[in-house]
């Protein structure tokens, strides 16, 4: 009867040992997944910030493009370069 009891104890010890190994493996796998998830969340947050910045930049460029389509914009730029409309005479104002 002693050998039978010893075999059961050995079998139970083996099961407990295997169970502990499985638990340790699962704990490490869980930690690895946790840190990977954290890293991916950080990357997503950075990507969302970059996306928002690019959207803002796109809106700004679209406004500039619309402004550039207007004739008044080009007239202003031409006048800055010294051009004038036909029939206009330049006026020189001296400031003392």
PDB file of N, CA and C in Angstrom:
ATOM      1  N   UNK A   1       0.820  -1.181   0.000  1.00  0.00           N
ATOM      2  CA  UNK A   1       0.000   0.000   0.000  1.00  0.00           C
ATOM      3  C   UNK A   1       0.871   1.254   0.000  1.00  0.00           C
ATOM      4  N   UNK A   2       2.045   1.201   0.532  1.00  0.00           N
ATOM      5  CA  UNK A   2       2.940   2.341   0.591  1.00  0.00           C
ATOM      6  C   UNK A   2       3.420   2.762  -0.801  1.00  0.00           C
ATOM      7  N   UNK A   3       3.680   1.742  -1.668  1.00  0.00           N
ATOM      8  CA  UNK A   3       4.130   2.060  -3.025  1.00  0.00           C
ATOM      9  C   UNK A   3       3.033   2.763  -3.819  1.00  0.00           C
ATOM     10  N   UNK A   4       1.800   2.342  -3.634  1.00  0.00           N
ATOM     11  CA  UNK A   4       0.663   2.931  -4.333  1.00  0.00           C
ATOM     12  C   UNK A   4       0.480   4.390  -3.923  1.00  0.00           C
ATOM     13  N   UNK A   5       0.632   4.640  -2.610  1.00  0.00           N
ATOM     14  CA  UNK A   5       0.490   5.999  -2.092  1.00  0.00           C
ATOM     15  C   UNK A   5       1.629   6.873  -2.641  1.00  0.00           C
ATOM     16  N   UNK A   6       2.809   6.329  -2.710  1.00  0.00           N
ATOM     17  CA  UNK A   6       3.961   7.070  -3.204  1.00  0.00           C
ATOM     18  C   UNK A   6       3.786   7.415  -4.687  1.00  0.00           C
ATOM     19  N   UNK A   7       3.251   6.475  -5.464  1.00  0.00           N
ATOM     20  CA  UNK A   7       3.022   6.724  -6.887  1.00  0.00           C
ATOM     21  C   UNK A   7       1.981   7.830  -7.077  1.00  0.00           C
ATOM     22  N   UNK A   8       0.950   7.836  -6.263  1.00  0.00           N
ATOM     23  CA  UNK A   8      -0.068   8.888  -6.340  1.00  0.00           C
ATOM     24  C   UNK A   8       0.563  10.247  -6.002  1.00  0.00           C
ATOM     25  N   UNK A   9       1.386  10.262  -4.978  1.00  0.00           N
ATOM     26  CA  UNK A   9       2.048  11.511  -4.594  1.00  0.00           C
ATOM     27  C   UNK A   9       2.965  12.004  -5.718  1.00  0.00           C
ATOM     28  N   UNK A  10       3.697  11.073  -6.329  1.00  0.00           N
ATOM     29  CA  UNK A  10       4.567  11.434  -7.439  1.00  0.00           C
ATOM     30  C   UNK A  10       3.755  11.946  -8.626  1.00  0.00           C
ATOM     31  N   UNK A  11       2.632  11.274  -8.881  1.00  0.00           N
ATOM     32  CA  UNK A  11       1.753  11.680  -9.976  1.00  0.00           C
ATOM     33  C   UNK A  11       1.169  13.065  -9.684  1.00  0.00           C
ATOM     34  N   UNK A  12       0.717  13.280  -8.453  1.00  0.00           N
ATOM     35  CA  UNK A  12       0.163  14.581  -8.070  1.00  0.00           C
ATOM     36  C   UNK A  12       1.241  15.668  -8.159  1.00  0.00           C
ATOM     37  N   UNK A  13       2.456  15.339  -7.707  1.00  0.00           N
ATOM     38  CA  UNK A  13       3.552  16.298  -7.785  1.00  0.00           C
ATOM     39  C   UNK A  13       3.842  16.655  -9.247  1.00  0.00           C
ATOM     40  N   UNK A  14       3.822  15.669 -10.102  1.00  0.00           N
ATOM     41  CA  UNK A  14       4.049  15.897 -11.540  1.00  0.00           C
ATOM     42  C   UNK A  14       2.980  16.807 -12.123  1.00  0.00           C
ATOM     43  N   UNK A  15       1.724  16.572 -11.740  1.00  0.00           N
ATOM     44  CA  UNK A  15       0.632  17.403 -12.237  1.00  0.00           C
ATOM     45  C   UNK A  15       0.766  18.840 -11.730  1.00  0.00           C
ATOM     46  N   UNK A  16       1.129  18.977 -10.472  1.00  0.00           N
ATOM     47  CA  UNK A  16       1.303  20.304  -9.892  1.00  0.00           C
ATOM     48  C   UNK A  16       2.464  21.014 -10.587  1.00  0.00           C
ATOM     49  N   UNK A  17       3.549  20.293 -10.812  1.00  0.00           N
ATOM     50  CA  UNK A  17       4.712  20.865 -11.482  1.00  0.00           C
ATOM     51  C   UNK A  17       4.364  21.321 -12.898  1.00  0.00           C
ATOM     52  N   UNK A  18       3.668  20.482 -13.643  1.00  0.00           N
ATOM     53  CA  UNK A  18       3.249  20.834 -15.008  1.00  0.00           C
ATOM     54  C   UNK A  18       2.291  22.022 -14.959  1.00  0.00           C
ATOM     55  N   UNK A  19       1.392  22.022 -14.002  1.00  0.00           N
ATOM     56  CA  UNK A  19       0.459  23.144 -13.844  1.00  0.00           C
ATOM     57  C   UNK A  19       1.191  24.447 -13.575  1.00  0.00           C
ATOM     58  N   UNK A  20       2.207  24.386 -12.706  1.00  0.00           N
ATOM     59  CA  UNK A  20       3.003  25.587 -12.419  1.00  0.00           C
ATOM     60  C   UNK A  20       3.748  26.066 -13.661  1.00  0.00           C
ATOM     61  N   UNK A  21       4.292  25.132 -14.409  1.00  0.00           N
ATOM     62  CA  UNK A  21       4.976  25.504 -15.647  1.00  0.00           C
ATOM     63  C   UNK A  21       4.025  26.188 -16.630  1.00  0.00           C
ATOM     64  N   UNK A  22       2.823  25.655 -16.743  1.00  0.00           N
ATOM     65  CA  UNK A  22       1.823  26.243 -17.631  1.00  0.00           C
ATOM     66  C   UNK A  22       1.467  27.649 -17.147  1.00  0.00           C
ATOM     67  N   UNK A  23       1.271  27.815 -15.847  1.00  0.00           N
ATOM     68  CA  UNK A  23       0.942  29.127 -15.289  1.00  0.00           C
ATOM     69  C   UNK A  23       2.070  30.138 -15.525  1.00  0.00           C
ATOM     70  N   UNK A  24       3.297  29.716 -15.348  1.00  0.00           N
ATOM     71  CA  UNK A  24       4.442  30.594 -15.583  1.00  0.00           C
ATOM     72  C   UNK A  24       4.506  30.994 -17.058  1.00  0.00           C
ATOM     73  N   UNK A  25       4.308  30.012 -17.935  1.00  0.00           N
ATOM     74  CA  UNK A  25       4.311  30.301 -19.368  1.00  0.00           C
ATOM     75  C   UNK A  25       3.218  31.303 -19.720  1.00  0.00           C
ATOM     76  N   UNK A  26       2.015  31.086 -19.199  1.00  0.00           N
ATOM     77  CA  UNK A  26       0.901  31.995 -19.470  1.00  0.00           C
ATOM     78  C   UNK A  26       1.163  33.391 -18.908  1.00  0.00           C
ATOM     79  N   UNK A  27       1.779  33.465 -17.739  1.00  0.00           N
ATOM     80  CA  UNK A  27       2.095  34.766 -17.148  1.00  0.00           C
ATOM     81  C   UNK A  27       3.086  35.528 -18.033  1.00  0.00           C
ATOM     82  N   UNK A  28       4.125  34.858 -18.504  1.00  0.00           N
ATOM     83  CA  UNK A  28       5.094  35.508 -19.386  1.00  0.00           C
ATOM     84  C   UNK A  28       4.449  35.918 -20.711  1.00  0.00           C
ATOM     85  N   UNK A  29       3.606  35.059 -21.251  1.00  0.00           N
ATOM     86  CA  UNK A  29       2.919  35.381 -22.502  1.00  0.00           C
ATOM     87  C   UNK A  29       2.009  36.604 -22.299  1.00  0.00           C
ATOM     88  N   UNK A  30       1.346  36.660 -21.161  1.00  0.00           N
ATOM     89  CA  UNK A  30       0.461  37.778 -20.848  1.00  0.00           C
ATOM     90  C   UNK A  30       1.253  39.077 -20.704  1.00  0.00           C
ATOM     91  N   UNK A  31       2.401  39.006 -20.027  1.00  0.00           N
ATOM     92  CA  UNK A  31       3.248  40.192 -19.885  1.00  0.00           C
ATOM     93  C   UNK A  31       3.761  40.675 -21.235  1.00  0.00           C
ATOM     94  N   UNK A  32       4.170  39.745 -22.064  1.00  0.00           N
ATOM     95  CA  UNK A  32       4.660  40.105 -23.392  1.00  0.00           C
ATOM     96  C   UNK A  32       3.548  40.782 -24.191  1.00  0.00           C
ATOM     97  N   UNK A  33       2.357  40.233 -24.140  1.00  0.00           N
ATOM     98  CA  UNK A  33       1.222  40.824 -24.854  1.00  0.00           C
ATOM     99  C   UNK A  33       0.894  42.207 -24.293  1.00  0.00           C
ATOM    100  N   UNK A  34       0.983  42.377 -22.982  1.00  0.00           N
ATOM    101  CA  UNK A  34       0.700  43.657 -22.345  1.00  0.00           C
ATOM    102  C   UNK A  34       1.658  44.734 -22.848  1.00  0.00           C
ATOM    103  N   UNK A  35       2.946  44.439 -22.843  1.00  0.00           N
ATOM    104  CA  UNK A  35       3.940  45.421 -23.287  1.00  0.00           C
ATOM    105  C   UNK A  35       3.843  45.698 -24.788  1.00  0.00           C
ATOM    106  N   UNK A  36       3.526  44.684 -25.565  1.00  0.00           N
ATOM    107  CA  UNK A  36       3.352  44.881 -26.999  1.00  0.00           C
ATOM    108  C   UNK A  36       2.122  45.756 -27.256  1.00  0.00           C
ATOM    109  N   UNK A  37       1.056  45.519 -26.501  1.00  0.00           N
ATOM    110  CA  UNK A  37      -0.157  46.318 -26.619  1.00  0.00           C
ATOM    111  C   UNK A  37       0.129  47.777 -26.265  1.00  0.00           C
ATOM    112  N   UNK A  38       0.904  47.984 -25.203  1.00  0.00           N
ATOM    113  CA  UNK A  38       1.266  49.337 -24.779  1.00  0.00           C
ATOM    114  C   UNK A  38       2.056  50.044 -25.876  1.00  0.00           C
ATOM    115  N   UNK A  39       3.002  49.342 -26.468  1.00  0.00           N
ATOM    116  CA  UNK A  39       3.819  49.907 -27.536  1.00  0.00           C
ATOM    117  C   UNK A  39       2.948  50.276 -28.737  1.00  0.00           C
ATOM    118  N   UNK A  40       2.032  49.386 -29.102  1.00  0.00           N
ATOM    119  CA  UNK A  40       1.160  49.648 -30.247  1.00  0.00           C
ATOM    120  C   UNK A  40       0.218  50.821 -29.984  1.00  0.00           C
ATOM    121  N   UNK A  41      -0.281  50.943 -28.755  1.00  0.00           N
ATOM    122  CA  UNK A  41      -1.142  52.082 -28.417  1.00  0.00           C
ATOM    123  C   UNK A  41      -0.374  53.402 -28.563  1.00  0.00           C
ATOM    124  N   UNK A  42       0.889  53.398 -28.149  1.00  0.00           N
ATOM    125  CA  UNK A  42       1.720  54.594 -28.268  1.00  0.00           C
ATOM    126  C   UNK A  42       1.901  54.950 -29.746  1.00  0.00           C
ATOM    127  N   UNK A  43       2.162  53.953 -30.577  1.00  0.00           N
ATOM    128  CA  UNK A  43       2.326  54.185 -32.006  1.00  0.00           C
ATOM    129  C   UNK A  43       1.036  54.723 -32.626  1.00  0.00           C
ATOM    130  N   UNK A  44      -0.106  54.182 -32.199  1.00  0.00           N
ATOM    131  CA  UNK A  44      -1.396  54.648 -32.709  1.00  0.00           C
ATOM    132  C   UNK A  44      -1.620  56.101 -32.306  1.00  0.00           C
ATOM    133  N   UNK A  45      -1.331  56.433 -31.052  1.00  0.00           N
ATOM    134  CA  UNK A  45      -1.492  57.814 -30.585  1.00  0.00           C
ATOM    135  C   UNK A  45      -0.613  58.771 -31.386  1.00  0.00           C
ATOM    136  N   UNK A  46       0.629  58.380 -31.629  1.00  0.00           N
ATOM    137  CA  UNK A  46       1.542  59.219 -32.408  1.00  0.00           C
ATOM    138  C   UNK A  46       1.033  59.374 -33.840  1.00  0.00           C
ATOM    139  N   UNK A  47       0.520  58.288 -34.402  1.00  0.00           N
ATOM    140  CA  UNK A  47      -0.007  58.342 -35.774  1.00  0.00           C
ATOM    141  C   UNK A  47      -1.236  59.243 -35.847  1.00  0.00           C
ATOM    142  N   UNK A  48      -2.096  59.187 -34.833  1.00  0.00           N
ATOM    143  CA  UNK A  48      -3.284  60.042 -34.815  1.00  0.00           C
ATOM    144  C   UNK A  48      -2.904  61.512 -34.705  1.00  0.00           C
ATOM    145  N   UNK A  49      -1.887  61.813 -33.901  1.00  0.00           N
ATOM    146  CA  UNK A  49      -1.418  63.200 -33.793  1.00  0.00           C
ATOM    147  C   UNK A  49      -0.858  63.674 -35.134  1.00  0.00           C
ATOM    148  N   UNK A  50      -0.085  62.817 -35.774  1.00  0.00           N
ATOM    149  CA  UNK A  50       0.494  63.163 -37.069  1.00  0.00           C
ATOM    150  C   UNK A  50      -0.609  63.362 -38.113  1.00  0.00           C
ATOM    151  N   UNK A  51      -1.619  62.500 -38.063  1.00  0.00           N
ATOM    152  CA  UNK A  51      -2.740  62.610 -38.995  1.00  0.00           C
ATOM    153  C   UNK A  51      -3.464  63.941 -38.802  1.00  0.00           C
ATOM    154  N   UNK A  52      -3.699  64.328 -37.558  1.00  0.00           N
ATOM    155  CA  UNK A  52      -4.368  65.599 -37.279  1.00  0.00           C
ATOM    156  C   UNK A  52      -3.536  66.768 -37.777  1.00  0.00           C
ATOM    157  N   UNK A  53      -2.226  66.703 -37.582  1.00  0.00           N
ATOM    158  CA  UNK A  53      -1.334  67.751 -38.060  1.00  0.00           C
ATOM    159  C   UNK A  53      -1.401  67.850 -39.588  1.00  0.00           C
ATOM    160  N   UNK A  54      -1.417  66.693 -40.256  1.00  0.00           N
ATOM    161  CA  UNK A  54      -1.482  66.680 -41.719  1.00  0.00           C
ATOM    162  C   UNK A  54      -2.820  67.204 -42.221  1.00  0.00           C
ATOM    163  N   UNK A  55      -3.897  66.903 -41.508  1.00  0.00           N
ATOM    164  CA  UNK A  55      -5.212  67.431 -41.895  1.00  0.00           C
ATOM    165  C   UNK A  55      -5.234  68.957 -41.781  1.00  0.00           C
ATOM    166  N   UNK A  56      -4.656  69.471 -40.692  1.00  0.00           N
ATOM    167  CA  UNK A  56      -4.593  70.917 -40.504  1.00  0.00           C
ATOM    168  C   UNK A  56      -3.772  71.556 -41.618  1.00  0.00           C
ATOM    169  N   UNK A  57      -2.654  70.943 -41.935  1.00  0.00           N
ATOM    170  CA  UNK A  57      -1.789  71.458 -43.004  1.00  0.00           C
ATOM    171  C   UNK A  57      -2.519  71.411 -44.347  1.00  0.00           C
ATOM    172  N   UNK A  58      -3.273  70.351 -44.588  1.00  0.00           N
ATOM    173  CA  UNK A  58      -4.034  70.218 -45.835  1.00  0.00           C
ATOM    174  C   UNK A  58      -5.066  71.338 -45.948  1.00  0.00           C
ATOM    175  N   UNK A  59      -5.799  71.599 -44.851  1.00  0.00           N
ATOM    176  CA  UNK A  59      -6.793  72.669 -44.859  1.00  0.00           C
ATOM    177  C   UNK A  59      -6.139  74.021 -45.157  1.00  0.00           C
ATOM    178  N   UNK A  60      -4.997  74.258 -44.548  1.00  0.00           N
ATOM    179  CA  UNK A  60      -4.275  75.517 -44.769  1.00  0.00           C
ATOM    180  C   UNK A  60      -3.863  75.643 -46.235  1.00  0.00           C
ATOM    181  N   UNK A  61      -3.351  74.563 -46.809  1.00  0.00           N
ATOM    182  CA  UNK A  61      -2.932  74.589 -48.214  1.00  0.00           C
ATOM    183  C   UNK A  61      -4.121  74.763 -49.156  1.00  0.00           C
ATOM    184  N   UNK A  62      -5.251  74.149 -48.812  1.00  0.00           N
ATOM    185  CA  UNK A  62      -6.446  74.306 -49.636  1.00  0.00           C
ATOM    186  C   UNK A  62      -6.937  75.759 -49.613  1.00  0.00           C
ATOM    187  N   UNK A  63      -6.864  76.407 -48.447  1.00  0.00           N
ATOM    188  CA  UNK A  63      -7.246  77.816 -48.359  1.00  0.00           C
ATOM    189  C   UNK A  63      -6.315  78.677 -49.211  1.00  0.00           C
ATOM    190  N   UNK A  64      -5.014  78.396 -49.150  1.00  0.00           N
ATOM    191  CA  UNK A  64      -4.048  79.136 -49.960  1.00  0.00           C
ATOM    192  C   UNK A  64      -4.307  78.914 -51.446  1.00  0.00           C
ATOM    193  N   UNK A  65      -4.660  77.698 -51.808  1.00  0.00           N
ATOM    194  CA  UNK A  65      -4.958  77.382 -53.204  1.00  0.00           C
ATOM    195  C   UNK A  65      -6.180  78.165 -53.670  1.00  0.00           C
ATOM    196  N   UNK A  66      -7.217  78.214 -52.861  1.00  0.00           N
ATOM    197  CA  UNK A  66      -8.419  78.987 -53.197  1.00  0.00           C
ATOM    198  C   UNK A  66      -8.083  80.465 -53.331  1.00  0.00           C
ATOM    199  N   UNK A  67      -7.264  80.956 -52.430  1.00  0.00           N
ATOM    200  CA  UNK A  67      -6.847  82.364 -52.481  1.00  0.00           C
ATOM    201  C   UNK A  67      -6.080  82.641 -53.771  1.00  0.00           C
ATOM    202  N   UNK A  68      -5.251  81.693 -54.174  1.00  0.00           N
ATOM    203  CA  UNK A  68      -4.460  81.847 -55.390  1.00  0.00           C
ATOM    204  C   UNK A  68      -5.295  81.812 -56.658  1.00  0.00           C
ATOM    205  N   UNK A  69      -6.493  81.275 -56.575  1.00  0.00           N
ATOM    206  CA  UNK A  69      -7.369  81.219 -57.749  1.00  0.00           C
ATOM    207  C   UNK A  69      -8.059  82.556 -58.004  1.00  0.00           C
ATOM    208  N   UNK A  70      -8.056  83.433 -57.034  1.00  0.00           N
ATOM    209  CA  UNK A  70      -8.742  84.721 -57.170  1.00  0.00           C
ATOM    210  C   UNK A  70      -7.853  85.707 -57.921  1.00  0.00           C
ATOM    211  N   UNK A  71      -8.476  86.499 -58.791  1.00  0.00           N
ATOM    212  CA  UNK A  71      -7.754  87.482 -59.585  1.00  0.00           C
ATOM    213  C   UNK A  71      -7.136  88.566 -58.706  1.00  0.00           C
ATOM    214  N   UNK A  72      -7.819  88.907 -57.627  1.00  0.00           N
ATOM    215  CA  UNK A  72      -7.307  89.965 -56.751  1.00  0.00           C
ATOM    216  C   UNK A  72      -5.962  89.575 -56.131  1.00  0.00           C
ATOM    217  N   UNK A  73      -5.769  88.306 -55.882  1.00  0.00           N
ATOM    218  CA  UNK A  73      -4.493  87.832 -55.337  1.00  0.00           C
ATOM    219  C   UNK A  73      -3.366  88.102 -56.320  1.00  0.00           C
ATOM    220  N   UNK A  74      -3.588  87.773 -57.586  1.00  0.00           N
ATOM    221  CA  UNK A  74      -2.546  87.940 -58.602  1.00  0.00           C
ATOM    222  C   UNK A  74      -2.318  89.419 -58.907  1.00  0.00           C
ATOM    223  N   UNK A  75      -3.388  90.200 -58.846  1.00  0.00           N
ATOM    224  CA  UNK A  75      -3.224  91.631 -59.052  1.00  0.00           C
ATOM    225  C   UNK A  75      -2.351  92.224 -57.953  1.00  0.00           C
ATOM    226  N   UNK A  76      -2.593  91.820 -56.721  1.00  0.00           N
ATOM    227  CA  UNK A  76      -1.786  92.291 -55.590  1.00  0.00           C
ATOM    228  C   UNK A  76      -0.324  91.910 -55.766  1.00  0.00           C
ATOM    229  N   UNK A  77      -0.073  90.672 -56.167  1.00  0.00           N
ATOM    230  CA  UNK A  77       1.304  90.201 -56.378  1.00  0.00           C
ATOM    231  C   UNK A  77       1.981  90.981 -57.508  1.00  0.00           C
ATOM    232  N   UNK A  78       1.245  91.264 -58.584  1.00  0.00           N
ATOM    233  CA  UNK A  78       1.815  92.004 -59.711  1.00  0.00           C
ATOM    234  C   UNK A  78       2.151  93.426 -59.281  1.00  0.00           C
ATOM    235  N   UNK A  79       1.289  94.046 -58.494  1.00  0.00           N
ATOM    236  CA  UNK A  79       1.541  95.408 -58.034  1.00  0.00           C
ATOM    237  C   UNK A  79       2.769  95.443 -57.105  1.00  0.00           C
ATOM    238  N   UNK A  80       2.954  94.399 -56.314  1.00  0.00           N
ATOM    239  CA  UNK A  80       4.140  94.328 -55.447  1.00  0.00           C
ATOM    240  C   UNK A  80       5.423  94.298 -56.277  1.00  0.00           C
ATOM    241  N   UNK A  81       5.323  93.767 -57.482  1.00  0.00           N
ATOM    242  CA  UNK A  81       6.486  93.685 -58.370  1.00  0.00           C
ATOM    243  C   UNK A  81       6.659  94.960 -59.207  1.00  0.00           C
ATOM    244  N   UNK A  82       5.750  95.923 -59.035  1.00  0.00           N
ATOM    245  CA  UNK A  82       5.884  97.186 -59.749  1.00  0.00           C
ATOM    246  C   UNK A  82       5.041  97.290 -61.004  1.00  0.00           C
ATOM    247  N   UNK A  83       4.236  96.296 -61.299  1.00  0.00           N
ATOM    248  CA  UNK A  83       3.385  96.354 -62.475  1.00  0.00           C
ATOM    249  C   UNK A  83       2.168  97.226 -62.192  1.00  0.00           C
ATOM    250  N   UNK A  84       1.581  97.741 -63.283  1.00  0.00           N
ATOM    251  CA  UNK A  84       0.370  98.548 -63.135  1.00  0.00           C
ATOM    252  C   UNK A  84      -0.582  98.225 -64.263  1.00  0.00           C
ATOM    253  N   UNK A  85      -1.841  98.567 -64.070  1.00  0.00           N
ATOM    254  CA  UNK A  85      -2.836  98.322 -65.108  1.00  0.00           C
ATOM    255  C   UNK A  85      -2.662  99.343 -66.227  1.00  0.00           C
ATOM    256  N   UNK A  86      -3.136  98.952 -67.390  1.00  0.00           N
ATOM    257  CA  UNK A  86      -3.058  99.826 -68.542  1.00  0.00           C
ATOM    258  C   UNK A  86      -3.860 101.100 -68.269  1.00  0.00           C
ATOM    259  N   UNK A  87      -3.253 102.228 -68.525  1.00  0.00           N
ATOM    260  CA  UNK A  87      -3.919 103.504 -68.312  1.00  0.00           C
ATOM    261  C   UNK A  87      -3.681 104.096 -66.933  1.00  0.00           C
ATOM    262  N   UNK A  88      -3.108 103.344 -66.053  1.00  0.00           N
ATOM    263  CA  UNK A  88      -2.808 103.876 -64.710  1.00  0.00           C
ATOM    264  C   UNK A  88      -1.462 104.588 -64.727  1.00  0.00           C
ATOM    265  N   UNK A  89      -1.354 105.601 -63.923  1.00  0.00           N
ATOM    266  CA  UNK A  89      -0.083 106.284 -63.791  1.00  0.00           C
ATOM    267  C   UNK A  89       0.404 106.108 -62.354  1.00  0.00           C
ATOM    268  N   UNK A  90       1.674 105.761 -62.202  1.00  0.00           N
ATOM    269  CA  UNK A  90       2.188 105.564 -60.844  1.00  0.00           C
ATOM    270  C   UNK A  90       2.264 106.877 -60.082  1.00  0.00           C
ATOM    271  N   UNK A  91       2.063 106.792 -58.822  1.00  0.00           N
ATOM    272  CA  UNK A  91       2.130 107.946 -57.957  1.00  0.00           C
ATOM    273  C   UNK A  91       3.261 107.719 -56.972  1.00  0.00           C
ATOM    274  N   UNK A  92       4.120 108.685 -56.849  1.00  0.00           N
ATOM    275  CA  UNK A  92       5.230 108.552 -55.912  1.00  0.00           C
ATOM    276  C   UNK A  92       4.977 109.463 -54.733  1.00  0.00           C
ATOM    277  N   UNK A  93       4.992 108.898 -53.587  1.00  0.00           N
ATOM    278  CA  UNK A  93       4.746 109.668 -52.363  1.00  0.00           C
ATOM    279  C   UNK A  93       6.038 109.690 -51.587  1.00  0.00           C
ATOM    280  N   UNK A  94       6.538 110.891 -51.308  1.00  0.00           N
ATOM    281  CA  UNK A  94       7.766 111.014 -50.537  1.00  0.00           C
ATOM    282  C   UNK A  94       7.387 111.326 -49.100  1.00  0.00           C
ATOM    283  N   UNK A  95       8.003 110.620 -48.201  1.00  0.00           N
ATOM    284  CA  UNK A  95       7.765 110.829 -46.775  1.00  0.00           C
ATOM    285  C   UNK A  95       8.996 111.489 -46.194  1.00  0.00           C
ATOM    286  N   UNK A  96       8.776 112.646 -45.538  1.00  0.00           N
ATOM    287  CA  UNK A  96       9.911 113.363 -44.954  1.00  0.00           C
ATOM    288  C   UNK A  96      10.078 113.019 -43.515  1.00  0.00           C
TER     289      UNK A  96
END
